[in-house]
Amino acid sequence: MPITCFIRYEIDPIQRDAFREYAGNWGRIIPRLGGRLLGYFLPHEGTNYEAWGLVGFDSLADYEAYRLRLKKDDEAVANFRFAREKRFILREERTFLENVA
């Protein structure tokens, strides 16, 4: 059953460009490691501290295998380190959604 990993980020609005770079990096990494990147989204108007990422997988098992590959991938590890060092992500939540249409 296809699923979508919906990631809600609370970001530092002053570091919006850092999040943009982080998301751009995932644009290369995620497809290479087996995820279907549906998109990363920054606020345009209104709330300025919420951003989202959506990544599709064929199953939860495929997501788990992808997560293992992420932990071993040099570029992914570097992107996680970039976020940790710059501290532009204040909070991150994941929800797994069932694709119904």
Protein backbone atom coordinates (compact mmCIF):
# COMPACT_ATOMS: atom_id res chain seq x y z
CA MET A 1 0.00 0.00 0.00
CA PRO A 2 1.56 3.35 -1.03
CA ILE A 3 2.23 5.83 1.77
CA THR A 4 3.35 9.43 2.03
CA CYS A 5 5.64 10.62 4.77
CA PHE A 6 4.42 14.11 5.67
CA ILE A 7 7.11 16.08 7.52
CA ARG A 8 6.14 19.28 9.31
CA TYR A 9 9.04 21.54 10.20
CA GLU A 10 9.05 24.47 12.55
CA ILE A 11 11.84 26.64 11.18
CA ASP A 12 13.64 29.80 12.21
CA PRO A 13 12.11 32.30 9.78
CA ILE A 14 15.31 34.34 9.77
CA GLN A 15 17.16 31.30 8.36
CA ARG A 16 14.70 30.62 5.56
CA ASP A 17 17.51 30.49 2.96
CA ALA A 18 19.33 27.81 4.97
CA PHE A 19 16.18 25.67 4.93
CA ARG A 20 15.87 26.27 1.18
CA GLU A 21 19.42 24.93 0.71
CA TYR A 22 18.67 21.94 2.98
CA ALA A 23 15.52 21.11 1.01
CA GLY A 24 17.37 21.49 -2.29
CA ASN A 25 19.95 18.98 -1.12
CA TRP A 26 17.17 16.47 -0.38
CA GLY A 27 15.98 17.00 -3.95
CA ARG A 28 19.08 15.10 -5.09
CA ILE A 29 19.43 12.68 -2.18
CA ILE A 30 15.90 11.34 -1.70
CA PRO A 31 15.32 10.02 -5.25
CA ARG A 32 18.80 8.48 -5.35
CA LEU A 33 18.07 6.55 -2.15
CA GLY A 34 14.63 5.27 -3.18
CA GLY A 35 12.07 7.85 -2.07
CA ARG A 36 9.66 9.70 -4.37
CA LEU A 37 10.08 13.34 -3.49
CA LEU A 38 6.68 14.99 -3.80
CA GLY A 39 8.08 18.32 -2.68
CA TYR A 40 9.45 20.61 -0.02
CA PHE A 41 7.48 23.74 0.74
CA LEU A 42 8.38 27.03 2.40
CA PRO A 43 5.80 29.55 3.60
CA HIS A 44 4.99 32.21 1.06
CA GLU A 45 2.51 34.34 2.98
CA GLY A 46 0.93 34.03 6.39
CA THR A 47 2.64 31.86 8.97
CA ASN A 48 6.39 32.23 8.48
CA TYR A 49 7.73 29.41 10.66
CA GLU A 50 6.15 26.27 9.13
CA ALA A 51 7.61 24.31 6.24
CA TRP A 52 6.71 20.89 4.87
CA GLY A 53 8.27 17.96 3.08
CA LEU A 54 6.37 15.12 1.42
CA VAL A 55 8.02 11.88 0.35
CA GLY A 56 6.23 8.87 -1.14
CA PHE A 57 7.03 5.18 -0.70
CA ASP A 58 5.43 1.96 -1.91
CA SER A 59 5.12 0.70 1.67
CA LEU A 60 6.22 1.33 5.25
CA ALA A 61 8.83 -1.40 4.76
CA ASP A 62 10.28 0.56 1.81
CA TYR A 63 10.42 3.65 4.02
CA GLU A 64 12.30 1.72 6.72
CA ALA A 65 14.84 0.45 4.16
CA TYR A 66 15.24 4.00 2.85
CA ARG A 67 15.93 5.29 6.39
CA LEU A 68 18.73 2.73 6.75
CA ARG A 69 20.28 3.91 3.47
CA LEU A 70 20.03 7.55 4.65
CA LYS A 71 22.12 6.78 7.74
CA LYS A 72 24.92 5.35 5.59
CA ASP A 73 24.93 7.93 2.79
CA ASP A 74 27.68 10.58 3.02
CA GLU A 75 25.61 13.33 1.38
CA ALA A 76 22.58 12.65 3.58
CA VAL A 77 24.72 12.61 6.73
CA ALA A 78 26.29 15.93 5.67
CA ASN A 79 22.84 17.46 5.12
CA PHE A 80 21.67 16.37 8.57
CA ARG A 81 24.89 17.85 10.02
CA PHE A 82 24.28 21.13 8.14
CA ALA A 83 20.82 21.43 9.74
CA ARG A 84 22.14 20.58 13.19
CA GLU A 85 25.01 23.08 12.99
CA LYS A 86 22.92 25.96 11.58
CA ARG A 87 19.94 25.22 13.88
CA PHE A 88 17.32 26.44 11.43
CA ILE A 89 15.01 23.50 12.20
CA LEU A 90 13.47 24.08 15.62
CA ARG A 91 11.08 21.13 15.55
CA GLU A 92 10.22 18.28 13.19
CA GLU A 93 7.19 15.96 13.12
CA ARG A 94 6.43 13.01 10.84
CA THR A 95 3.02 11.64 9.95
CA PHE A 96 2.46 8.70 7.62
CA LEU A 97 -0.51 9.02 5.33
CA GLU A 98 -2.24 6.34 3.30
CA ASN A 99 -2.62 7.23 -0.37
CA VAL A 100 -6.29 6.84 -1.27
CA ALA A 101 -6.59 8.70 -4.57
